[in-house]
Amino acid sequence: MVPRTRTAAIAVRIPRRRFTVDEYHRMGEAGVLTEDDRVELLDGEIVQMSPIGTPHASTVARLTALLVHRFRKHATIWVQNPIVLDRWSEPQPDLCVLAPRADFYAELHPRPRDVLLGIEVMDSSRSYDRALKLPLYGKAELSEVWLIDLKAETVEVHRRPALRGYRTSATYARGQVIVPLAFPHMRVRVNEILG
């Protein structure tokens, strides 16, 4: 009989080096990161973004057309571009409705105070958007975030930001209407979002 060997799992704490937004930008300027790298900076870590599938891309295109049509006089629609949450985070939400600025944010990426509504489209990124990004949006005090769940065909509306996420959330299904906080006169039907 051959004796069994036991391998004990040893918990090793490996120190991590967090990067600031400025360092992240310098990596881009130095060519360490390129525009072809699908990454974003979340809480000091450079995170690989999920590939964009056809349903995701189609939803972003549909929603972009809808939001541009509805909000063109009242906001800037920011599509898959960076926003700076704080010193450690620069995510790229699928869409943001921003406070309008004459320079279209040419001088600086938008900050939390500029974001009237953040939107993430979830297909393969469901746990990533809920577990990693949503808490960062809440901590940065984005007033409203929508998570569009393509598999469930719902829109989760998160409001009242808190240190670890949002204090209130509601889920809307087909046939229902969402009224964005920043635009109480606007109505968006879930069917318009999902197609």
C-alpha atoms as a PDB file:
ATOM      1  CA  MET A   1       0.000   0.000   0.000  1.00  0.00           C
ATOM      2  CA  VAL A   2       1.331   3.373  -1.016  1.00  0.00           C
ATOM      3  CA  PRO A   3       0.945   6.098   1.613  1.00  0.00           C
ATOM      4  CA  ARG A   4      -1.072   9.109   0.559  1.00  0.00           C
ATOM      5  CA  THR A   5       0.572  12.464   0.701  1.00  0.00           C
ATOM      6  CA  ARG A   6      -1.444  15.379   1.956  1.00  0.00           C
ATOM      7  CA  THR A   7      -1.017  18.770   0.489  1.00  0.00           C
ATOM      8  CA  ALA A   8      -2.071  21.422   2.897  1.00  0.00           C
ATOM      9  CA  ALA A   9      -3.429  24.626   1.510  1.00  0.00           C
ATOM     10  CA  ILE A  10      -1.304  27.422   2.831  1.00  0.00           C
ATOM     11  CA  ALA A  11      -2.842  30.831   2.909  1.00  0.00           C
ATOM     12  CA  VAL A  12      -0.256  33.234   1.629  1.00  0.00           C
ATOM     13  CA  ARG A  13      -0.980  36.906   1.570  1.00  0.00           C
ATOM     14  CA  ILE A  14       0.690  38.437  -1.440  1.00  0.00           C
ATOM     15  CA  PRO A  15       1.115  42.193  -1.294  1.00  0.00           C
ATOM     16  CA  ARG A  16      -0.462  43.968  -4.224  1.00  0.00           C
ATOM     17  CA  ARG A  17       0.634  47.188  -5.844  1.00  0.00           C
ATOM     18  CA  ARG A  18      -2.316  49.495  -6.454  1.00  0.00           C
ATOM     19  CA  PHE A  19      -2.137  52.016  -9.267  1.00  0.00           C
ATOM     20  CA  THR A  20      -3.533  55.523  -9.266  1.00  0.00           C
ATOM     21  CA  VAL A  21      -5.441  56.991 -12.192  1.00  0.00           C
ATOM     22  CA  ASP A  22      -2.401  59.172 -13.003  1.00  0.00           C
ATOM     23  CA  GLU A  23      -0.094  56.124 -13.091  1.00  0.00           C
ATOM     24  CA  TYR A  24      -2.626  54.259 -15.224  1.00  0.00           C
ATOM     25  CA  HIS A  25      -2.608  57.142 -17.740  1.00  0.00           C
ATOM     26  CA  ARG A  26       1.191  57.234 -17.748  1.00  0.00           C
ATOM     27  CA  MET A  27       1.175  53.505 -18.659  1.00  0.00           C
ATOM     28  CA  GLY A  28      -0.920  54.420 -21.679  1.00  0.00           C
ATOM     29  CA  GLU A  29       1.380  57.287 -22.629  1.00  0.00           C
ATOM     30  CA  ALA A  30       4.427  54.985 -22.351  1.00  0.00           C
ATOM     31  CA  GLY A  31       2.807  52.294 -24.508  1.00  0.00           C
ATOM     32  CA  VAL A  32       2.551  49.741 -21.696  1.00  0.00           C
ATOM     33  CA  LEU A  33      -1.214  49.835 -22.232  1.00  0.00           C
ATOM     34  CA  THR A  34      -2.705  50.564 -25.642  1.00  0.00           C
ATOM     35  CA  GLU A  35      -6.186  51.389 -26.913  1.00  0.00           C
ATOM     36  CA  ASP A  36      -6.450  47.741 -27.987  1.00  0.00           C
ATOM     37  CA  ASP A  37      -6.127  46.572 -24.368  1.00  0.00           C
ATOM     38  CA  ARG A  38      -9.672  46.105 -23.044  1.00  0.00           C
ATOM     39  CA  VAL A  39      -8.931  47.070 -19.462  1.00  0.00           C
ATOM     40  CA  GLU A  40     -10.207  49.464 -16.824  1.00  0.00           C
ATOM     41  CA  LEU A  41      -8.871  50.622 -13.480  1.00  0.00           C
ATOM     42  CA  LEU A  42     -11.002  49.488 -10.530  1.00  0.00           C
ATOM     43  CA  ASP A  43      -9.902  50.283  -6.984  1.00  0.00           C
ATOM     44  CA  GLY A  44      -6.254  50.475  -8.027  1.00  0.00           C
ATOM     45  CA  GLU A  45      -6.220  47.227 -10.037  1.00  0.00           C
ATOM     46  CA  ILE A  46      -6.053  46.960 -13.804  1.00  0.00           C
ATOM     47  CA  VAL A  47      -8.909  44.622 -14.703  1.00  0.00           C
ATOM     48  CA  GLN A  48      -9.497  42.827 -18.004  1.00  0.00           C
ATOM     49  CA  MET A  49     -12.927  43.640 -19.457  1.00  0.00           C
ATOM     50  CA  SER A  50     -15.187  40.945 -20.890  1.00  0.00           C
ATOM     51  CA  PRO A  51     -15.464  40.634 -24.667  1.00  0.00           C
ATOM     52  CA  ILE A  52     -18.497  42.385 -26.098  1.00  0.00           C
ATOM     53  CA  GLY A  53     -20.961  39.915 -27.590  1.00  0.00           C
ATOM     54  CA  THR A  54     -23.595  40.668 -30.204  1.00  0.00           C
ATOM     55  CA  PRO A  55     -26.576  41.058 -27.793  1.00  0.00           C
ATOM     56  CA  HIS A  56     -24.514  43.416 -25.601  1.00  0.00           C
ATOM     57  CA  ALA A  57     -23.341  45.522 -28.559  1.00  0.00           C
ATOM     58  CA  SER A  58     -26.843  45.682 -30.005  1.00  0.00           C
ATOM     59  CA  THR A  59     -28.329  46.821 -26.690  1.00  0.00           C
ATOM     60  CA  VAL A  60     -25.689  49.537 -26.305  1.00  0.00           C
ATOM     61  CA  ALA A  61     -26.396  50.763 -29.859  1.00  0.00           C
ATOM     62  CA  ARG A  62     -30.181  50.753 -29.290  1.00  0.00           C
ATOM     63  CA  LEU A  63     -29.866  52.527 -25.957  1.00  0.00           C
ATOM     64  CA  THR A  64     -27.444  55.090 -27.395  1.00  0.00           C
ATOM     65  CA  ALA A  65     -29.931  55.997 -30.139  1.00  0.00           C
ATOM     66  CA  LEU A  66     -32.767  56.189 -27.590  1.00  0.00           C
ATOM     67  CA  LEU A  67     -30.841  58.360 -25.117  1.00  0.00           C
ATOM     68  CA  VAL A  68     -29.462  60.703 -27.772  1.00  0.00           C
ATOM     69  CA  HIS A  69     -32.992  61.194 -29.095  1.00  0.00           C
ATOM     70  CA  ARG A  70     -34.502  61.788 -25.625  1.00  0.00           C
ATOM     71  CA  PHE A  71     -31.742  63.761 -23.902  1.00  0.00           C
ATOM     72  CA  ARG A  72     -29.915  65.552 -26.730  1.00  0.00           C
ATOM     73  CA  LYS A  73     -30.908  69.012 -25.494  1.00  0.00           C
ATOM     74  CA  HIS A  74     -30.343  68.233 -21.832  1.00  0.00           C
ATOM     75  CA  ALA A  75     -27.252  66.012 -21.567  1.00  0.00           C
ATOM     76  CA  THR A  76     -24.203  64.472 -23.185  1.00  0.00           C
ATOM     77  CA  ILE A  77     -24.386  60.741 -23.907  1.00  0.00           C
ATOM     78  CA  TRP A  78     -21.042  59.122 -23.067  1.00  0.00           C
ATOM     79  CA  VAL A  79     -20.652  55.676 -24.686  1.00  0.00           C
ATOM     80  CA  GLN A  80     -18.108  53.149 -23.336  1.00  0.00           C
ATOM     81  CA  ASN A  81     -15.763  55.947 -22.318  1.00  0.00           C
ATOM     82  CA  PRO A  82     -13.911  56.426 -19.026  1.00  0.00           C
ATOM     83  CA  ILE A  83     -15.159  58.269 -15.981  1.00  0.00           C
ATOM     84  CA  VAL A  84     -12.902  59.049 -13.018  1.00  0.00           C
ATOM     85  CA  LEU A  85     -14.524  57.983  -9.752  1.00  0.00           C
ATOM     86  CA  ASP A  86     -11.625  58.802  -7.441  1.00  0.00           C
ATOM     87  CA  ARG A  87      -7.840  58.517  -7.253  1.00  0.00           C
ATOM     88  CA  TRP A  88      -7.982  54.717  -7.737  1.00  0.00           C
ATOM     89  CA  SER A  89     -10.801  54.027 -10.198  1.00  0.00           C
ATOM     90  CA  GLU A  90     -11.461  54.850 -13.839  1.00  0.00           C
ATOM     91  CA  PRO A  91     -14.120  52.444 -15.124  1.00  0.00           C
ATOM     92  CA  GLN A  92     -15.683  52.508 -18.567  1.00  0.00           C
ATOM     93  CA  PRO A  93     -19.451  52.151 -18.132  1.00  0.00           C
ATOM     94  CA  ASP A  94     -21.396  51.103 -21.188  1.00  0.00           C
ATOM     95  CA  LEU A  95     -23.284  54.410 -21.166  1.00  0.00           C
ATOM     96  CA  CYS A  96     -23.488  57.535 -19.060  1.00  0.00           C
ATOM     97  CA  VAL A  97     -25.858  60.451 -19.240  1.00  0.00           C
ATOM     98  CA  LEU A  98     -23.680  63.434 -18.327  1.00  0.00           C
ATOM     99  CA  ALA A  99     -24.368  67.025 -17.402  1.00  0.00           C
ATOM    100  CA  PRO A 100     -23.803  69.011 -20.605  1.00  0.00           C
ATOM    101  CA  ARG A 101     -20.546  70.895 -21.042  1.00  0.00           C
ATOM    102  CA  ALA A 102     -19.585  73.110 -23.950  1.00  0.00           C
ATOM    103  CA  ASP A 103     -16.240  71.328 -24.413  1.00  0.00           C
ATOM    104  CA  PHE A 104     -17.812  67.810 -24.345  1.00  0.00           C
ATOM    105  CA  TYR A 105     -15.311  66.875 -21.607  1.00  0.00           C
ATOM    106  CA  ALA A 106     -12.269  67.591 -23.779  1.00  0.00           C
ATOM    107  CA  GLU A 107     -10.204  68.883 -20.842  1.00  0.00           C
ATOM    108  CA  LEU A 108     -10.917  66.143 -18.280  1.00  0.00           C
ATOM    109  CA  HIS A 109     -12.820  62.873 -18.111  1.00  0.00           C
ATOM    110  CA  PRO A 110     -16.145  63.200 -16.282  1.00  0.00           C
ATOM    111  CA  ARG A 111     -16.184  62.996 -12.479  1.00  0.00           C
ATOM    112  CA  PRO A 112     -19.023  61.615 -10.306  1.00  0.00           C
ATOM    113  CA  ARG A 113     -20.717  65.014 -10.051  1.00  0.00           C
ATOM    114  CA  ASP A 114     -21.000  65.056 -13.876  1.00  0.00           C
ATOM    115  CA  VAL A 115     -22.739  61.664 -14.118  1.00  0.00           C
ATOM    116  CA  LEU A 116     -26.525  62.013 -14.026  1.00  0.00           C
ATOM    117  CA  LEU A 117     -27.066  58.330 -14.851  1.00  0.00           C
ATOM    118  CA  GLY A 118     -24.646  55.417 -15.249  1.00  0.00           C
ATOM    119  CA  ILE A 119     -25.631  52.327 -17.212  1.00  0.00           C
ATOM    120  CA  GLU A 120     -24.052  48.878 -17.453  1.00  0.00           C
ATOM    121  CA  VAL A 121     -25.330  46.245 -19.888  1.00  0.00           C
ATOM    122  CA  MET A 122     -24.868  42.785 -18.384  1.00  0.00           C
ATOM    123  CA  ASP A 123     -24.548  39.651 -20.465  1.00  0.00           C
ATOM    124  CA  SER A 124     -21.387  37.743 -19.585  1.00  0.00           C
ATOM    125  CA  SER A 125     -20.376  40.454 -17.072  1.00  0.00           C
ATOM    126  CA  ARG A 126     -23.235  40.050 -14.550  1.00  0.00           C
ATOM    127  CA  SER A 127     -21.214  39.174 -11.436  1.00  0.00           C
ATOM    128  CA  TYR A 128     -18.420  41.571 -12.436  1.00  0.00           C
ATOM    129  CA  ASP A 129     -20.780  44.541 -12.763  1.00  0.00           C
ATOM    130  CA  ARG A 130     -22.720  43.733  -9.577  1.00  0.00           C
ATOM    131  CA  ALA A 131     -19.830  42.712  -7.301  1.00  0.00           C
ATOM    132  CA  LEU A 132     -17.042  45.021  -8.496  1.00  0.00           C
ATOM    133  CA  LYS A 133     -18.429  48.043 -10.284  1.00  0.00           C
ATOM    134  CA  LEU A 134     -21.740  48.779  -8.545  1.00  0.00           C
ATOM    135  CA  PRO A 135     -20.131  49.189  -5.073  1.00  0.00           C
ATOM    136  CA  LEU A 136     -17.539  51.568  -6.570  1.00  0.00           C
ATOM    137  CA  TYR A 137     -20.292  53.631  -8.200  1.00  0.00           C
ATOM    138  CA  GLY A 138     -22.124  53.834  -4.861  1.00  0.00           C
ATOM    139  CA  LYS A 139     -18.988  54.787  -2.949  1.00  0.00           C
ATOM    140  CA  ALA A 140     -18.274  57.528  -5.527  1.00  0.00           C
ATOM    141  CA  GLU A 141     -21.871  58.765  -5.081  1.00  0.00           C
ATOM    142  CA  LEU A 142     -23.208  58.304  -8.600  1.00  0.00           C
ATOM    143  CA  SER A 143     -26.822  59.203  -7.927  1.00  0.00           C
ATOM    144  CA  GLU A 144     -28.371  56.550 -10.169  1.00  0.00           C
ATOM    145  CA  VAL A 145     -27.093  53.416 -11.908  1.00  0.00           C
ATOM    146  CA  TRP A 146     -29.025  51.042 -14.160  1.00  0.00           C
ATOM    147  CA  LEU A 147     -27.909  47.449 -14.630  1.00  0.00           C
ATOM    148  CA  ILE A 148     -29.520  46.010 -17.747  1.00  0.00           C
ATOM    149  CA  ASP A 149     -29.665  42.229 -17.349  1.00  0.00           C
ATOM    150  CA  LEU A 150     -30.006  40.755 -20.835  1.00  0.00           C
ATOM    151  CA  LYS A 151     -30.555  37.178 -19.621  1.00  0.00           C
ATOM    152  CA  ALA A 152     -33.338  38.104 -17.177  1.00  0.00           C
ATOM    153  CA  GLU A 153     -34.675  40.827 -19.511  1.00  0.00           C
ATOM    154  CA  THR A 154     -34.855  43.309 -16.656  1.00  0.00           C
ATOM    155  CA  VAL A 155     -33.425  46.676 -15.681  1.00  0.00           C
ATOM    156  CA  GLU A 156     -32.222  47.073 -12.095  1.00  0.00           C
ATOM    157  CA  VAL A 157     -32.391  50.695 -10.952  1.00  0.00           C
ATOM    158  CA  HIS A 158     -30.050  51.566  -8.077  1.00  0.00           C
ATOM    159  CA  ARG A 159     -30.444  54.852  -6.191  1.00  0.00           C
ATOM    160  CA  ARG A 160     -29.371  56.525  -2.952  1.00  0.00           C
ATOM    161  CA  PRO A 161     -25.621  55.805  -3.024  1.00  0.00           C
ATOM    162  CA  ALA A 162     -23.857  54.445   0.054  1.00  0.00           C
ATOM    163  CA  LEU A 163     -20.333  53.461   1.006  1.00  0.00           C
ATOM    164  CA  ARG A 164     -20.781  49.879  -0.266  1.00  0.00           C
ATOM    165  CA  GLY A 165     -23.371  50.241  -2.995  1.00  0.00           C
ATOM    166  CA  TYR A 166     -26.893  51.625  -2.992  1.00  0.00           C
ATOM    167  CA  ARG A 167     -29.603  51.878  -0.357  1.00  0.00           C
ATOM    168  CA  THR A 168     -32.494  51.315  -2.757  1.00  0.00           C
ATOM    169  CA  SER A 169     -32.917  49.180  -5.812  1.00  0.00           C
ATOM    170  CA  ALA A 170     -35.895  48.185  -7.916  1.00  0.00           C
ATOM    171  CA  THR A 171     -36.179  45.751 -10.796  1.00  0.00           C
ATOM    172  CA  TYR A 172     -38.230  46.675 -13.859  1.00  0.00           C
ATOM    173  CA  ALA A 173     -39.485  44.186 -16.448  1.00  0.00           C
ATOM    174  CA  ARG A 174     -41.024  44.459 -19.906  1.00  0.00           C
ATOM    175  CA  GLY A 175     -44.142  46.600 -19.934  1.00  0.00           C
ATOM    176  CA  GLN A 176     -42.890  48.850 -17.125  1.00  0.00           C
ATOM    177  CA  VAL A 177     -41.614  52.425 -17.252  1.00  0.00           C
ATOM    178  CA  ILE A 178     -38.569  53.995 -15.565  1.00  0.00           C
ATOM    179  CA  VAL A 179     -38.375  57.707 -14.731  1.00  0.00           C
ATOM    180  CA  PRO A 180     -34.727  58.815 -14.312  1.00  0.00           C
ATOM    181  CA  LEU A 181     -34.064  60.844 -11.151  1.00  0.00           C
ATOM    182  CA  ALA A 182     -32.327  63.680 -12.983  1.00  0.00           C
ATOM    183  CA  PHE A 183     -35.129  63.929 -15.569  1.00  0.00           C
ATOM    184  CA  PRO A 184     -38.495  63.495 -13.824  1.00  0.00           C
ATOM    185  CA  HIS A 185     -40.318  64.600 -16.997  1.00  0.00           C
ATOM    186  CA  MET A 186     -38.772  61.767 -19.065  1.00  0.00           C
ATOM    187  CA  ARG A 187     -40.157  58.235 -19.256  1.00  0.00           C
ATOM    188  CA  VAL A 188     -38.191  55.260 -20.565  1.00  0.00           C
ATOM    189  CA  ARG A 189     -40.013  52.008 -21.275  1.00  0.00           C
ATOM    190  CA  VAL A 190     -38.126  48.792 -20.544  1.00  0.00           C
ATOM    191  CA  ASN A 191     -39.269  47.470 -23.947  1.00  0.00           C
ATOM    192  CA  GLU A 192     -37.449  50.390 -25.600  1.00  0.00           C
ATOM    193  CA  ILE A 193     -34.232  49.379 -23.820  1.00  0.00           C
ATOM    194  CA  LEU A 194     -34.439  45.641 -24.473  1.00  0.00           C
ATOM    195  CA  GLY A 195     -35.854  45.851 -28.003  1.00  0.00           C
END
